[in-house]
C-alpha atoms as a PDB file:
ATOM      1  CA  GLY A   1     -48.390 -24.453 -53.238  1.00  0.00           C
ATOM      2  CA  GLU A   2     -46.722 -21.122 -53.519  1.00  0.00           C
ATOM      3  CA  ILE A   3     -49.867 -19.202 -52.561  1.00  0.00           C
ATOM      4  CA  ALA A   4     -51.326 -21.821 -50.206  1.00  0.00           C
ATOM      5  CA  GLU A   5     -48.406 -22.029 -47.784  1.00  0.00           C
ATOM      6  CA  PRO A   6     -48.430 -18.390 -46.582  1.00  0.00           C
ATOM      7  CA  PHE A   7     -52.247 -18.508 -46.450  1.00  0.00           C
ATOM      8  CA  ALA A   8     -52.108 -21.685 -44.333  1.00  0.00           C
ATOM      9  CA  LEU A   9     -49.749 -19.948 -41.907  1.00  0.00           C
ATOM     10  CA  VAL A  10     -52.226 -17.075 -41.521  1.00  0.00           C
ATOM     11  CA  VAL A  11     -55.138 -19.482 -41.003  1.00  0.00           C
ATOM     12  CA  ALA A  12     -53.165 -21.473 -38.413  1.00  0.00           C
ATOM     13  CA  ARG A  13     -52.250 -18.309 -36.530  1.00  0.00           C
ATOM     14  CA  LYS A  14     -55.847 -17.085 -36.461  1.00  0.00           C
ATOM     15  CA  LEU A  15     -57.074 -20.458 -35.200  1.00  0.00           C
ATOM     16  CA  ARG A  16     -54.363 -20.581 -32.537  1.00  0.00           C
ATOM     17  CA  LEU A  17     -55.441 -17.139 -31.346  1.00  0.00           C
ATOM     18  CA  LYS A  18     -58.845 -18.769 -30.735  1.00  0.00           C
ATOM     19  CA  ASN A  19     -57.130 -21.414 -28.560  1.00  0.00           C
ATOM     20  CA  THR A  20     -57.452 -24.108 -31.207  1.00  0.00           C
ATOM     21  CA  TYR A  21     -54.667 -26.677 -31.452  1.00  0.00           C
ATOM     22  CA  VAL A  22     -53.240 -26.617 -34.968  1.00  0.00           C
ATOM     23  CA  GLU A  23     -50.538 -28.664 -36.668  1.00  0.00           C
ATOM     24  CA  LEU A  24     -49.241 -27.714 -40.090  1.00  0.00           C
ATOM     25  CA  ASP A  25     -47.817 -30.251 -42.480  1.00  0.00           C
ATOM     26  CA  LEU A  26     -45.502 -28.343 -44.781  1.00  0.00           C
ATOM     27  CA  SER A  27     -43.536 -31.446 -45.730  1.00  0.00           C
ATOM     28  CA  ARG A  28     -44.768 -31.429 -49.334  1.00  0.00           C
ATOM     29  CA  ALA A  29     -45.484 -35.140 -48.919  1.00  0.00           C
ATOM     30  CA  ALA A  30     -48.204 -36.694 -51.060  1.00  0.00           C
ATOM     31  CA  PHE A  31     -51.705 -35.510 -50.158  1.00  0.00           C
ATOM     32  CA  GLY A  32     -52.872 -38.989 -49.118  1.00  0.00           C
ATOM     33  CA  LYS A  33     -49.877 -39.415 -46.851  1.00  0.00           C
ATOM     34  CA  GLN A  34     -50.591 -36.078 -45.175  1.00  0.00           C
ATOM     35  CA  LEU A  35     -54.222 -37.074 -44.554  1.00  0.00           C
ATOM     36  CA  LYS A  36     -53.149 -40.432 -43.098  1.00  0.00           C
ATOM     37  CA  ARG A  37     -50.764 -38.606 -40.776  1.00  0.00           C
ATOM     38  CA  ALA A  38     -53.568 -36.294 -39.663  1.00  0.00           C
ATOM     39  CA  ASP A  39     -55.873 -39.256 -39.085  1.00  0.00           C
ATOM     40  CA  ARG A  40     -53.236 -41.102 -37.021  1.00  0.00           C
ATOM     41  CA  SER A  41     -52.820 -38.009 -34.851  1.00  0.00           C
ATOM     42  CA  ASN A  42     -56.491 -38.417 -33.818  1.00  0.00           C
ATOM     43  CA  ALA A  43     -57.341 -35.034 -35.297  1.00  0.00           C
ATOM     44  CA  ARG A  44     -61.049 -34.386 -35.701  1.00  0.00           C
ATOM     45  CA  TRP A  45     -60.687 -32.116 -38.729  1.00  0.00           C
ATOM     46  CA  ALA A  46     -58.222 -31.492 -41.520  1.00  0.00           C
ATOM     47  CA  LEU A  47     -58.096 -28.224 -43.373  1.00  0.00           C
ATOM     48  CA  VAL A  48     -57.048 -28.688 -46.956  1.00  0.00           C
ATOM     49  CA  ILE A  49     -55.618 -25.600 -48.591  1.00  0.00           C
ATOM     50  CA  GLY A  50     -54.391 -25.503 -52.158  1.00  0.00           C
ATOM     51  CA  ASP A  51     -53.530 -22.491 -54.254  1.00  0.00           C
ATOM     52  CA  SER A  52     -57.069 -22.248 -55.658  1.00  0.00           C
ATOM     53  CA  GLU A  53     -58.579 -22.268 -52.147  1.00  0.00           C
ATOM     54  CA  ALA A  54     -56.082 -19.670 -50.938  1.00  0.00           C
ATOM     55  CA  LYS A  55     -56.931 -17.368 -53.856  1.00  0.00           C
ATOM     56  CA  GLN A  56     -60.599 -17.583 -52.856  1.00  0.00           C
ATOM     57  CA  GLY A  57     -59.935 -17.141 -49.122  1.00  0.00           C
ATOM     58  CA  GLU A  58     -61.373 -20.605 -48.499  1.00  0.00           C
ATOM     59  CA  VAL A  59     -60.373 -23.932 -47.018  1.00  0.00           C
ATOM     60  CA  ILE A  60     -61.728 -27.431 -47.480  1.00  0.00           C
ATOM     61  CA  LEU A  61     -62.872 -28.674 -44.095  1.00  0.00           C
ATOM     62  CA  LYS A  62     -62.524 -32.460 -44.010  1.00  0.00           C
ATOM     63  CA  ASP A  63     -64.173 -34.470 -41.250  1.00  0.00           C
ATOM     64  CA  LEU A  64     -61.663 -37.196 -40.392  1.00  0.00           C
ATOM     65  CA  ARG A  65     -64.160 -39.082 -38.214  1.00  0.00           C
ATOM     66  CA  ALA A  66     -66.897 -39.446 -40.842  1.00  0.00           C
ATOM     67  CA  LYS A  67     -66.613 -42.960 -42.182  1.00  0.00           C
ATOM     68  CA  ASP A  68     -69.803 -43.141 -44.249  1.00  0.00           C
ATOM     69  CA  THR A  69     -68.625 -42.840 -47.845  1.00  0.00           C
ATOM     70  CA  LYS A  70     -72.161 -42.157 -49.073  1.00  0.00           C
ATOM     71  CA  VAL A  71     -72.164 -38.762 -47.388  1.00  0.00           C
ATOM     72  CA  SER A  72     -69.788 -36.014 -48.410  1.00  0.00           C
ATOM     73  CA  THR A  73     -67.245 -35.465 -45.671  1.00  0.00           C
ATOM     74  CA  GLU A  74     -65.784 -32.331 -47.177  1.00  0.00           C
ATOM     75  CA  GLU A  75     -67.112 -28.811 -47.134  1.00  0.00           C
ATOM     76  CA  ARG A  76     -65.677 -25.738 -48.794  1.00  0.00           C
ATOM     77  CA  VAL A  77     -65.694 -22.944 -46.208  1.00  0.00           C
ATOM     78  CA  ASN A  78     -64.796 -19.273 -46.347  1.00  0.00           C
ATOM     79  CA  ILE A  79     -62.080 -18.561 -43.798  1.00  0.00           C
ATOM     80  CA  GLU A  80     -64.214 -16.021 -41.891  1.00  0.00           C
ATOM     81  CA  ILE A  81     -66.995 -18.592 -41.494  1.00  0.00           C
ATOM     82  CA  LEU A  82     -64.430 -21.144 -40.314  1.00  0.00           C
ATOM     83  CA  LEU A  83     -63.060 -18.749 -37.715  1.00  0.00           C
ATOM     84  CA  ALA A  84     -66.586 -18.005 -36.491  1.00  0.00           C
ATOM     85  CA  ARG A  85     -67.128 -21.744 -35.907  1.00  0.00           C
ATOM     86  CA  PHE A  86     -64.182 -21.823 -33.526  1.00  0.00           C
ATOM     87  CA  SER A  87     -65.320 -18.811 -31.474  1.00  0.00           C
END
């Protein structure tokens, strides 16, 4: 979204400064297609950022390796908490 894209760029930059490999998908492809692409890249995590998350300074942290559908594999995380996890 209009607000999410600049926020995603800031998040990616901050994570890269912590030596974390980050790929951004700004293709505007369907959400499911973007997640499949992330999964095929063998990424461990996907950060989902929409306009509502960006307004709140949050991301949705999605565990791409969790296959048990009975357990939630998504967690809403404040960006500062996320950055602390990658320290």
